[in-house]
Amino acid sequence: MASNTDNRTDNRTRHRTTTTETKPAFKTTELVAYVVVALGVLIASAMVDQSEDGQGFGADKAWLYVTILTVGYMVSRGLAKAGSYERDNDHRS
């Protein structure tokens, strides 16, 4: 009995190079902007001293603003990654 090798399909997986739709976080300008603004807030807090009457820009306000900036950055990265997908080439899953 002769084997017909011409009609068999090749079941080997092909290696496809896929790229994600968004860049890694360290390559984005929003990371640079976040770091610059966060440093600016902390430097401004160190330069402007809070007076006894509660006026000024103290460390508590500065860290609140940095926290708000961090949440905003994380939300922006989440939205940027929300539409992206990466194909899983692992045949085990």
Protein backbone atom coordinates (compact mmCIF):
# COMPACT_ATOMS: atom_id res chain seq x y z
CA MET A 1 0.00 0.00 0.00
CA ALA A 2 1.54 3.27 -1.10
CA SER A 3 1.39 6.25 1.15
CA ASN A 4 0.09 9.46 -0.32
CA THR A 5 2.26 12.22 1.13
CA ASP A 6 1.06 14.90 -1.27
CA ASN A 7 -2.40 15.15 0.27
CA ARG A 8 -1.28 15.37 3.91
CA THR A 9 -1.48 18.72 5.58
CA ASP A 10 1.50 20.05 7.42
CA ASN A 11 0.49 20.33 11.08
CA ARG A 12 3.64 22.06 12.21
CA THR A 13 3.11 25.50 13.61
CA ARG A 14 4.67 28.37 11.82
CA HIS A 15 6.69 30.88 13.77
CA ARG A 16 5.01 34.23 13.33
CA THR A 17 6.55 37.36 14.64
CA THR A 18 3.79 39.41 16.15
CA THR A 19 4.15 42.85 17.53
CA THR A 20 2.01 44.55 20.09
CA GLU A 21 0.06 47.60 19.09
CA THR A 22 1.51 49.78 21.82
CA LYS A 23 5.06 50.47 22.85
CA PRO A 24 6.48 49.34 26.17
CA ALA A 25 5.96 51.90 28.93
CA PHE A 26 9.62 52.90 29.18
CA LYS A 27 9.63 53.98 25.50
CA THR A 28 6.66 56.33 25.73
CA THR A 29 6.66 60.09 26.09
CA GLU A 30 3.93 59.83 28.71
CA LEU A 31 6.38 58.14 31.08
CA VAL A 32 8.87 60.96 30.55
CA ALA A 33 6.14 63.55 31.12
CA TYR A 34 4.97 61.73 34.26
CA VAL A 35 8.47 61.59 35.75
CA VAL A 36 9.18 65.25 34.94
CA VAL A 37 5.90 66.47 36.42
CA ALA A 38 6.20 64.27 39.53
CA LEU A 39 9.72 65.54 40.14
CA GLY A 40 8.53 69.09 39.54
CA VAL A 41 5.80 68.71 42.15
CA LEU A 42 8.21 67.27 44.70
CA ILE A 43 10.85 69.95 44.03
CA ALA A 44 8.23 72.70 44.28
CA SER A 45 7.09 71.25 47.58
CA ALA A 46 10.65 71.28 48.89
CA MET A 47 11.22 74.86 47.74
CA VAL A 48 7.96 76.38 49.00
CA ASP A 49 7.77 75.89 52.72
CA GLN A 50 4.43 75.48 54.47
CA SER A 51 3.93 78.23 57.01
CA GLU A 52 2.33 78.00 60.44
CA ASP A 53 -1.06 79.19 59.18
CA GLY A 54 -1.42 76.19 56.85
CA GLN A 55 -0.74 78.22 53.72
CA GLY A 56 1.85 77.03 51.27
CA PHE A 57 2.69 73.80 49.56
CA GLY A 58 3.61 71.13 52.05
CA ALA A 59 4.72 67.55 51.61
CA ASP A 60 1.23 66.17 52.25
CA LYS A 61 -0.20 68.09 49.29
CA ALA A 62 2.78 67.20 47.12
CA TRP A 63 2.43 63.47 47.75
CA LEU A 64 -1.32 63.70 47.18
CA TYR A 65 -0.66 65.26 43.78
CA VAL A 66 1.99 62.68 42.95
CA THR A 67 -0.48 59.94 43.87
CA ILE A 68 -3.13 61.49 41.63
CA LEU A 69 -0.56 61.75 38.82
CA THR A 70 0.37 58.09 39.32
CA VAL A 71 -3.24 56.97 39.10
CA GLY A 72 -3.70 59.07 35.97
CA TYR A 73 -0.59 57.55 34.40
CA MET A 74 -1.73 54.03 35.24
CA VAL A 75 -5.19 54.68 33.76
CA SER A 76 -3.66 56.13 30.59
CA ARG A 77 -1.41 53.07 30.16
CA GLY A 78 -4.37 50.81 30.81
CA LEU A 79 -6.41 52.56 28.15
CA ALA A 80 -3.50 52.40 25.73
CA LYS A 81 -3.14 48.66 26.30
CA ALA A 82 -6.88 47.94 26.35
CA GLY A 83 -7.19 47.62 22.60
CA SER A 84 -3.93 45.83 22.07
CA TYR A 85 -3.50 42.12 21.95
CA GLU A 86 -0.65 39.75 21.51
CA ARG A 87 -1.17 36.42 19.83
CA ASP A 88 -0.34 33.45 22.01
CA ASN A 89 1.70 31.01 19.97
CA ASP A 90 1.98 28.45 22.75
CA HIS A 91 0.29 25.28 21.57
CA ARG A 92 -0.18 24.02 25.15
CA SER A 93 -2.72 26.66 26.11
